[in-house]
């Protein structure tokens, strides 16, 4: 009976470790999903900022062109 008790103990230990690893894996999957969503949101914000910057650049170029057409008094 001693060997069976030892085997049973090892199996229980393995099962406990398996359950712990399974839980850790689930936690990491949730964390990864959250980080992926954060990264997606950051990329959307960056895209918006770049679009805004390009719009401002276009407007400034347009205003500079208008200023070039104005002759400064001498």
C-alpha atoms as a PDB file:
ATOM      1  CA  UNK A   1       0.000   0.000   0.000  1.00  0.00           C
ATOM      2  CA  UNK A   2       2.922   2.401   0.515  1.00  0.00           C
ATOM      3  CA  UNK A   3       3.732   2.566  -3.180  1.00  0.00           C
ATOM      4  CA  UNK A   4       0.123   3.287  -4.061  1.00  0.00           C
ATOM      5  CA  UNK A   5      -0.011   6.073  -1.505  1.00  0.00           C
ATOM      6  CA  UNK A   6       3.186   7.519  -2.925  1.00  0.00           C
ATOM      7  CA  UNK A   7       1.808   7.276  -6.474  1.00  0.00           C
ATOM      8  CA  UNK A   8      -1.469   8.853  -5.372  1.00  0.00           C
ATOM      9  CA  UNK A   9       0.436  11.718  -3.721  1.00  0.00           C
ATOM     10  CA  UNK A  10       2.479  12.325  -6.851  1.00  0.00           C
ATOM     11  CA  UNK A  11      -0.633  12.308  -9.025  1.00  0.00           C
ATOM     12  CA  UNK A  12      -2.366  14.770  -6.697  1.00  0.00           C
ATOM     13  CA  UNK A  13       0.719  17.014  -6.776  1.00  0.00           C
ATOM     14  CA  UNK A  14       0.807  16.856 -10.566  1.00  0.00           C
ATOM     15  CA  UNK A  15      -2.906  17.653 -10.781  1.00  0.00           C
ATOM     16  CA  UNK A  16      -2.498  20.619  -8.436  1.00  0.00           C
ATOM     17  CA  UNK A  17       0.393  21.919 -10.552  1.00  0.00           C
ATOM     18  CA  UNK A  18      -1.637  21.373 -13.707  1.00  0.00           C
ATOM     19  CA  UNK A  19      -4.575  23.322 -12.247  1.00  0.00           C
ATOM     20  CA  UNK A  20      -2.221  26.122 -11.206  1.00  0.00           C
ATOM     21  CA  UNK A  21      -0.665  26.302 -14.674  1.00  0.00           C
ATOM     22  CA  UNK A  22      -4.087  26.186 -16.313  1.00  0.00           C
ATOM     23  CA  UNK A  23      -5.237  29.130 -14.172  1.00  0.00           C
ATOM     24  CA  UNK A  24      -2.024  31.039 -14.905  1.00  0.00           C
ATOM     25  CA  UNK A  25      -2.503  30.428 -18.621  1.00  0.00           C
ATOM     26  CA  UNK A  26      -6.058  31.778 -18.454  1.00  0.00           C
ATOM     27  CA  UNK A  27      -4.840  34.863 -16.579  1.00  0.00           C
ATOM     28  CA  UNK A  28      -2.141  35.452 -19.186  1.00  0.00           C
ATOM     29  CA  UNK A  29      -4.664  35.073 -22.022  1.00  0.00           C
ATOM     30  CA  UNK A  30      -6.858  37.753 -20.429  1.00  0.00           C
ATOM     31  CA  UNK A  31      -3.842  40.001 -19.927  1.00  0.00           C
ATOM     32  CA  UNK A  32      -2.763  39.503 -23.538  1.00  0.00           C
ATOM     33  CA  UNK A  33      -6.257  40.305 -24.802  1.00  0.00           C
ATOM     34  CA  UNK A  34      -6.365  43.492 -22.708  1.00  0.00           C
ATOM     35  CA  UNK A  35      -2.927  44.577 -23.925  1.00  0.00           C
ATOM     36  CA  UNK A  36      -3.957  43.885 -27.518  1.00  0.00           C
ATOM     37  CA  UNK A  37      -7.025  46.091 -27.060  1.00  0.00           C
ATOM     38  CA  UNK A  38      -4.873  48.829 -25.507  1.00  0.00           C
ATOM     39  CA  UNK A  39      -2.442  48.627 -28.411  1.00  0.00           C
ATOM     40  CA  UNK A  40      -5.299  48.817 -30.921  1.00  0.00           C
ATOM     41  CA  UNK A  41      -6.663  51.923 -29.166  1.00  0.00           C
ATOM     42  CA  UNK A  42      -3.210  53.524 -29.083  1.00  0.00           C
ATOM     43  CA  UNK A  43      -2.805  52.861 -32.807  1.00  0.00           C
ATOM     44  CA  UNK A  44      -6.187  54.488 -33.492  1.00  0.00           C
ATOM     45  CA  UNK A  45      -5.149  57.536 -31.471  1.00  0.00           C
ATOM     46  CA  UNK A  46      -1.827  57.721 -33.281  1.00  0.00           C
ATOM     47  CA  UNK A  47      -3.584  57.523 -36.634  1.00  0.00           C
ATOM     48  CA  UNK A  48      -5.884  60.363 -35.587  1.00  0.00           C
ATOM     49  CA  UNK A  49      -2.942  62.462 -34.420  1.00  0.00           C
ATOM     50  CA  UNK A  50      -1.116  61.872 -37.703  1.00  0.00           C
ATOM     51  CA  UNK A  51      -4.196  62.830 -39.698  1.00  0.00           C
ATOM     52  CA  UNK A  52      -4.587  65.988 -37.625  1.00  0.00           C
ATOM     53  CA  UNK A  53      -0.899  66.840 -38.074  1.00  0.00           C
ATOM     54  CA  UNK A  54      -1.192  66.386 -41.829  1.00  0.00           C
ATOM     55  CA  UNK A  55      -4.270  68.627 -41.922  1.00  0.00           C
ATOM     56  CA  UNK A  56      -2.438  71.325 -39.951  1.00  0.00           C
ATOM     57  CA  UNK A  57       0.597  71.005 -42.233  1.00  0.00           C
ATOM     58  CA  UNK A  58      -1.619  71.407 -45.309  1.00  0.00           C
ATOM     59  CA  UNK A  59      -3.299  74.481 -43.809  1.00  0.00           C
ATOM     60  CA  UNK A  60       0.071  76.052 -42.919  1.00  0.00           C
ATOM     61  CA  UNK A  61       1.387  75.398 -46.433  1.00  0.00           C
ATOM     62  CA  UNK A  62      -1.731  77.029 -47.850  1.00  0.00           C
ATOM     63  CA  UNK A  63      -1.300  80.095 -45.615  1.00  0.00           C
ATOM     64  CA  UNK A  64       2.389  80.348 -46.524  1.00  0.00           C
ATOM     65  CA  UNK A  65       1.449  80.297 -50.208  1.00  0.00           C
ATOM     66  CA  UNK A  66      -1.003  83.156 -49.589  1.00  0.00           C
ATOM     67  CA  UNK A  67       1.690  85.142 -47.795  1.00  0.00           C
ATOM     68  CA  UNK A  68       4.113  84.669 -50.684  1.00  0.00           C
ATOM     69  CA  UNK A  69       1.607  86.311 -53.014  1.00  0.00           C
ATOM     70  CA  UNK A  70       1.487  89.433 -50.855  1.00  0.00           C
ATOM     71  CA  UNK A  71       4.104  91.985 -51.775  1.00  0.00           C
ATOM     72  CA  UNK A  72       5.694  93.670 -48.803  1.00  0.00           C
ATOM     73  CA  UNK A  73       5.707  97.507 -49.092  1.00  0.00           C
ATOM     74  CA  UNK A  74       9.117  99.005 -49.848  1.00  0.00           C
END
